[in-house]
Amino acid sequence: MTTIYVGNLPFSATDADLRVLFERHGKVDSVKLINDRETGRPRGFGFVDMPSADAQAAIQALNGYSMNGRALRVNEAQERPRTGGGGPFRR
């Protein structure tokens, strides 16, 4: 299973829109668009889970794809580094 990062999404994009787009290139296991915690509005990016072979084909085909006039940024998701949190005074 590969998790794909999809950035520069139009704010009007839905989970269903992304699923249809990625299903052209293989089996989609899940789609998750990210919303702002405070406002609930879309943040313009999301994640798609696909089997590895299908994911590579989708990344190649859809990176730079124009969705409602916005060029999508599509690549394999990277693990976010843990920052430790708690502000500058925490040790």
N, C-alpha and C. Protein backbone atom coordinates (compact mmCIF):
# COMPACT_ATOMS: atom_id res chain seq x y z
N MET A 1 0.85 -1.19 0.00
CA MET A 1 0.00 0.00 0.00
C MET A 1 0.89 1.24 0.00
N THR A 2 0.53 2.20 -0.82
CA THR A 2 1.27 3.46 -0.91
C THR A 2 0.30 4.61 -0.66
N THR A 3 0.73 5.56 0.16
CA THR A 3 -0.05 6.76 0.39
C THR A 3 0.51 7.86 -0.51
N ILE A 4 -0.38 8.48 -1.27
CA ILE A 4 -0.02 9.51 -2.22
C ILE A 4 -0.48 10.86 -1.68
N TYR A 5 0.43 11.83 -1.71
CA TYR A 5 0.10 13.21 -1.35
C TYR A 5 -0.41 13.91 -2.61
N VAL A 6 -1.53 14.62 -2.49
CA VAL A 6 -2.10 15.38 -3.60
C VAL A 6 -2.25 16.83 -3.13
N GLY A 7 -1.44 17.72 -3.69
CA GLY A 7 -1.45 19.12 -3.29
C GLY A 7 -1.93 20.03 -4.39
N ASN A 8 -2.18 21.28 -4.00
CA ASN A 8 -2.66 22.33 -4.90
C ASN A 8 -4.04 22.01 -5.45
N LEU A 9 -4.85 21.34 -4.62
CA LEU A 9 -6.21 21.01 -5.03
C LEU A 9 -7.09 22.25 -5.04
N PRO A 10 -8.05 22.32 -5.98
CA PRO A 10 -9.02 23.40 -5.91
C PRO A 10 -9.85 23.21 -4.63
N PHE A 11 -10.25 24.30 -4.00
CA PHE A 11 -10.98 24.19 -2.74
C PHE A 11 -12.36 23.57 -2.93
N SER A 12 -12.82 23.49 -4.16
CA SER A 12 -14.12 22.89 -4.45
C SER A 12 -14.04 21.36 -4.60
N ALA A 13 -12.83 20.79 -4.61
CA ALA A 13 -12.66 19.35 -4.81
C ALA A 13 -13.26 18.57 -3.64
N THR A 14 -13.85 17.41 -3.97
CA THR A 14 -14.43 16.54 -2.96
C THR A 14 -13.69 15.20 -2.95
N ASP A 15 -13.95 14.40 -1.91
CA ASP A 15 -13.39 13.05 -1.84
C ASP A 15 -13.78 12.26 -3.10
N ALA A 16 -15.04 12.41 -3.50
CA ALA A 16 -15.54 11.68 -4.68
C ALA A 16 -14.80 12.10 -5.95
N ASP A 17 -14.53 13.40 -6.10
CA ASP A 17 -13.79 13.89 -7.27
C ASP A 17 -12.42 13.23 -7.35
N LEU A 18 -11.74 13.20 -6.22
CA LEU A 18 -10.39 12.63 -6.18
C LEU A 18 -10.43 11.12 -6.44
N ARG A 19 -11.41 10.44 -5.87
CA ARG A 19 -11.54 9.00 -6.07
C ARG A 19 -11.73 8.68 -7.55
N VAL A 20 -12.62 9.41 -8.22
CA VAL A 20 -12.88 9.18 -9.66
C VAL A 20 -11.61 9.43 -10.48
N LEU A 21 -10.90 10.50 -10.17
CA LEU A 21 -9.67 10.84 -10.90
C LEU A 21 -8.62 9.73 -10.75
N PHE A 22 -8.41 9.26 -9.53
CA PHE A 22 -7.37 8.26 -9.28
C PHE A 22 -7.79 6.86 -9.69
N GLU A 23 -9.08 6.55 -9.70
CA GLU A 23 -9.53 5.22 -10.11
C GLU A 23 -9.27 4.95 -11.59
N ARG A 24 -9.00 5.99 -12.36
CA ARG A 24 -8.63 5.81 -13.78
C ARG A 24 -7.29 5.07 -13.88
N HIS A 25 -6.53 5.07 -12.80
CA HIS A 25 -5.18 4.51 -12.82
C HIS A 25 -5.02 3.30 -11.91
N GLY A 26 -6.11 2.80 -11.35
CA GLY A 26 -6.03 1.60 -10.52
C GLY A 26 -7.01 1.64 -9.36
N LYS A 27 -6.82 0.70 -8.45
CA LYS A 27 -7.71 0.54 -7.30
C LYS A 27 -7.38 1.59 -6.24
N VAL A 28 -8.41 2.28 -5.77
CA VAL A 28 -8.26 3.28 -4.71
C VAL A 28 -8.83 2.68 -3.42
N ASP A 29 -7.99 2.61 -2.38
CA ASP A 29 -8.45 2.06 -1.10
C ASP A 29 -9.09 3.13 -0.24
N SER A 30 -8.53 4.34 -0.22
CA SER A 30 -9.15 5.41 0.56
C SER A 30 -8.71 6.77 0.04
N VAL A 31 -9.54 7.77 0.34
CA VAL A 31 -9.27 9.16 -0.02
C VAL A 31 -9.56 10.00 1.22
N LYS A 32 -8.67 10.95 1.52
CA LYS A 32 -8.86 11.82 2.69
C LYS A 32 -8.43 13.23 2.33
N LEU A 33 -9.40 14.15 2.24
CA LEU A 33 -9.08 15.56 2.06
C LEU A 33 -8.91 16.18 3.44
N ILE A 34 -7.97 17.11 3.57
CA ILE A 34 -7.67 17.71 4.86
C ILE A 34 -8.37 19.06 4.97
N ASN A 35 -9.06 19.25 6.09
CA ASN A 35 -9.75 20.50 6.39
C ASN A 35 -9.08 21.19 7.57
N ASP A 36 -9.20 22.51 7.61
CA ASP A 36 -8.68 23.30 8.72
C ASP A 36 -9.46 22.95 9.99
N ARG A 37 -8.75 22.73 11.09
CA ARG A 37 -9.41 22.35 12.35
C ARG A 37 -10.34 23.43 12.87
N GLU A 38 -9.95 24.67 12.73
CA GLU A 38 -10.74 25.76 13.31
C GLU A 38 -11.90 26.20 12.44
N THR A 39 -11.69 26.29 11.13
CA THR A 39 -12.74 26.81 10.25
C THR A 39 -13.52 25.70 9.55
N GLY A 40 -12.94 24.50 9.44
CA GLY A 40 -13.59 23.41 8.74
C GLY A 40 -13.49 23.52 7.23
N ARG A 41 -12.80 24.57 6.75
CA ARG A 41 -12.65 24.75 5.30
C ARG A 41 -11.50 23.90 4.77
N PRO A 42 -11.58 23.53 3.47
CA PRO A 42 -10.51 22.72 2.87
C PRO A 42 -9.17 23.44 2.90
N ARG A 43 -8.09 22.67 3.08
CA ARG A 43 -6.75 23.25 3.11
C ARG A 43 -6.05 23.12 1.76
N GLY A 44 -6.67 22.44 0.79
CA GLY A 44 -6.10 22.37 -0.56
C GLY A 44 -5.17 21.19 -0.78
N PHE A 45 -5.22 20.20 0.12
CA PHE A 45 -4.43 18.99 -0.11
C PHE A 45 -5.13 17.80 0.52
N GLY A 46 -4.67 16.62 0.13
CA GLY A 46 -5.25 15.39 0.67
C GLY A 46 -4.35 14.21 0.37
N PHE A 47 -4.86 13.02 0.71
CA PHE A 47 -4.09 11.79 0.56
C PHE A 47 -4.96 10.71 -0.07
N VAL A 48 -4.33 9.89 -0.91
CA VAL A 48 -5.01 8.77 -1.56
C VAL A 48 -4.17 7.52 -1.28
N ASP A 49 -4.82 6.44 -0.82
CA ASP A 49 -4.13 5.16 -0.62
C ASP A 49 -4.45 4.23 -1.78
N MET A 50 -3.38 3.68 -2.39
CA MET A 50 -3.52 2.77 -3.52
C MET A 50 -2.47 1.66 -3.39
N PRO A 51 -2.70 0.50 -4.03
CA PRO A 51 -1.64 -0.51 -4.11
C PRO A 51 -0.41 0.10 -4.80
N SER A 52 0.78 -0.36 -4.42
CA SER A 52 2.03 0.27 -4.88
C SER A 52 2.16 0.42 -6.39
N ALA A 53 1.86 -0.63 -7.15
CA ALA A 53 2.01 -0.55 -8.62
C ALA A 53 1.05 0.49 -9.21
N ASP A 54 -0.19 0.49 -8.74
CA ASP A 54 -1.18 1.45 -9.22
C ASP A 54 -0.78 2.87 -8.82
N ALA A 55 -0.25 3.01 -7.60
CA ALA A 55 0.15 4.34 -7.10
C ALA A 55 1.22 4.96 -7.98
N GLN A 56 2.22 4.18 -8.37
CA GLN A 56 3.29 4.72 -9.21
C GLN A 56 2.75 5.20 -10.55
N ALA A 57 1.83 4.44 -11.13
CA ALA A 57 1.23 4.83 -12.41
C ALA A 57 0.42 6.12 -12.23
N ALA A 58 -0.33 6.23 -11.14
CA ALA A 58 -1.14 7.42 -10.89
C ALA A 58 -0.26 8.65 -10.67
N ILE A 59 0.83 8.48 -9.93
CA ILE A 59 1.74 9.60 -9.69
C ILE A 59 2.30 10.12 -11.01
N GLN A 60 2.76 9.20 -11.85
CA GLN A 60 3.33 9.59 -13.14
C GLN A 60 2.31 10.30 -14.01
N ALA A 61 1.07 9.80 -14.01
CA ALA A 61 0.05 10.35 -14.90
C ALA A 61 -0.54 11.66 -14.39
N LEU A 62 -0.63 11.83 -13.07
CA LEU A 62 -1.40 12.96 -12.53
C LEU A 62 -0.58 14.11 -11.97
N ASN A 63 0.73 13.94 -11.80
CA ASN A 63 1.54 15.07 -11.33
C ASN A 63 1.54 16.15 -12.41
N GLY A 64 1.05 17.34 -12.07
CA GLY A 64 0.93 18.42 -13.03
C GLY A 64 -0.41 18.48 -13.75
N TYR A 65 -1.26 17.49 -13.51
CA TYR A 65 -2.59 17.45 -14.13
C TYR A 65 -3.39 18.68 -13.70
N SER A 66 -4.08 19.31 -14.64
CA SER A 66 -4.86 20.50 -14.35
C SER A 66 -6.27 20.12 -13.91
N MET A 67 -6.58 20.47 -12.67
CA MET A 67 -7.92 20.21 -12.12
C MET A 67 -8.55 21.57 -11.80
N ASN A 68 -9.57 21.93 -12.56
CA ASN A 68 -10.22 23.24 -12.41
C ASN A 68 -9.21 24.38 -12.47
N GLY A 69 -8.25 24.27 -13.39
CA GLY A 69 -7.27 25.33 -13.61
C GLY A 69 -6.08 25.32 -12.66
N ARG A 70 -5.99 24.31 -11.79
CA ARG A 70 -4.86 24.23 -10.84
C ARG A 70 -4.04 22.99 -11.16
N ALA A 71 -2.73 23.17 -11.30
CA ALA A 71 -1.83 22.05 -11.59
C ALA A 71 -1.59 21.27 -10.29
N LEU A 72 -2.05 20.02 -10.27
CA LEU A 72 -1.90 19.20 -9.07
C LEU A 72 -0.43 18.84 -8.82
N ARG A 73 -0.07 18.77 -7.57
CA ARG A 73 1.24 18.26 -7.17
C ARG A 73 0.99 16.88 -6.57
N VAL A 74 1.47 15.84 -7.22
CA VAL A 74 1.18 14.46 -6.82
C VAL A 74 2.50 13.73 -6.63
N ASN A 75 2.72 13.21 -5.43
CA ASN A 75 3.91 12.40 -5.16
C ASN A 75 3.66 11.48 -3.99
N GLU A 76 4.60 10.59 -3.75
CA GLU A 76 4.46 9.67 -2.63
C GLU A 76 4.56 10.48 -1.33
N ALA A 77 3.63 10.23 -0.42
CA ALA A 77 3.61 10.97 0.85
C ALA A 77 4.86 10.62 1.66
N GLN A 78 5.40 11.64 2.32
CA GLN A 78 6.57 11.47 3.18
C GLN A 78 6.12 11.58 4.63
N GLU A 79 6.74 10.80 5.49
CA GLU A 79 6.44 10.89 6.92
C GLU A 79 6.85 12.25 7.43
N ARG A 80 5.97 12.91 8.19
CA ARG A 80 6.31 14.22 8.75
C ARG A 80 7.24 14.03 9.94
N PRO A 81 8.31 14.81 10.03
CA PRO A 81 9.20 14.68 11.19
C PRO A 81 8.50 15.15 12.45
N ARG A 82 8.72 14.45 13.56
CA ARG A 82 8.14 14.85 14.83
C ARG A 82 8.91 16.05 15.35
N THR A 83 8.19 17.08 15.77
CA THR A 83 8.85 18.30 16.22
C THR A 83 8.99 18.37 17.73
N GLY A 84 8.33 17.50 18.45
CA GLY A 84 8.41 17.54 19.91
C GLY A 84 7.32 18.39 20.52
N GLY A 85 6.91 19.43 19.84
CA GLY A 85 5.81 20.27 20.30
C GLY A 85 6.11 20.96 21.62
N GLY A 86 5.14 21.66 22.15
CA GLY A 86 5.26 22.28 23.45
C GLY A 86 5.93 23.65 23.46
N GLY A 87 6.33 24.17 22.34
CA GLY A 87 6.91 25.50 22.29
C GLY A 87 8.41 25.52 22.50
N PRO A 88 9.00 26.71 22.49
CA PRO A 88 10.45 26.83 22.50
C PRO A 88 11.11 26.54 23.85
N PHE A 89 10.36 26.48 24.94
CA PHE A 89 10.97 26.33 26.24
C PHE A 89 10.95 24.90 26.77
N ARG A 90 10.35 24.02 26.03
CA ARG A 90 10.26 22.62 26.47
C ARG A 90 11.56 21.89 26.17
N ARG A 91 12.04 21.12 27.11
CA ARG A 91 13.27 20.35 26.91
C ARG A 91 13.08 18.93 27.28
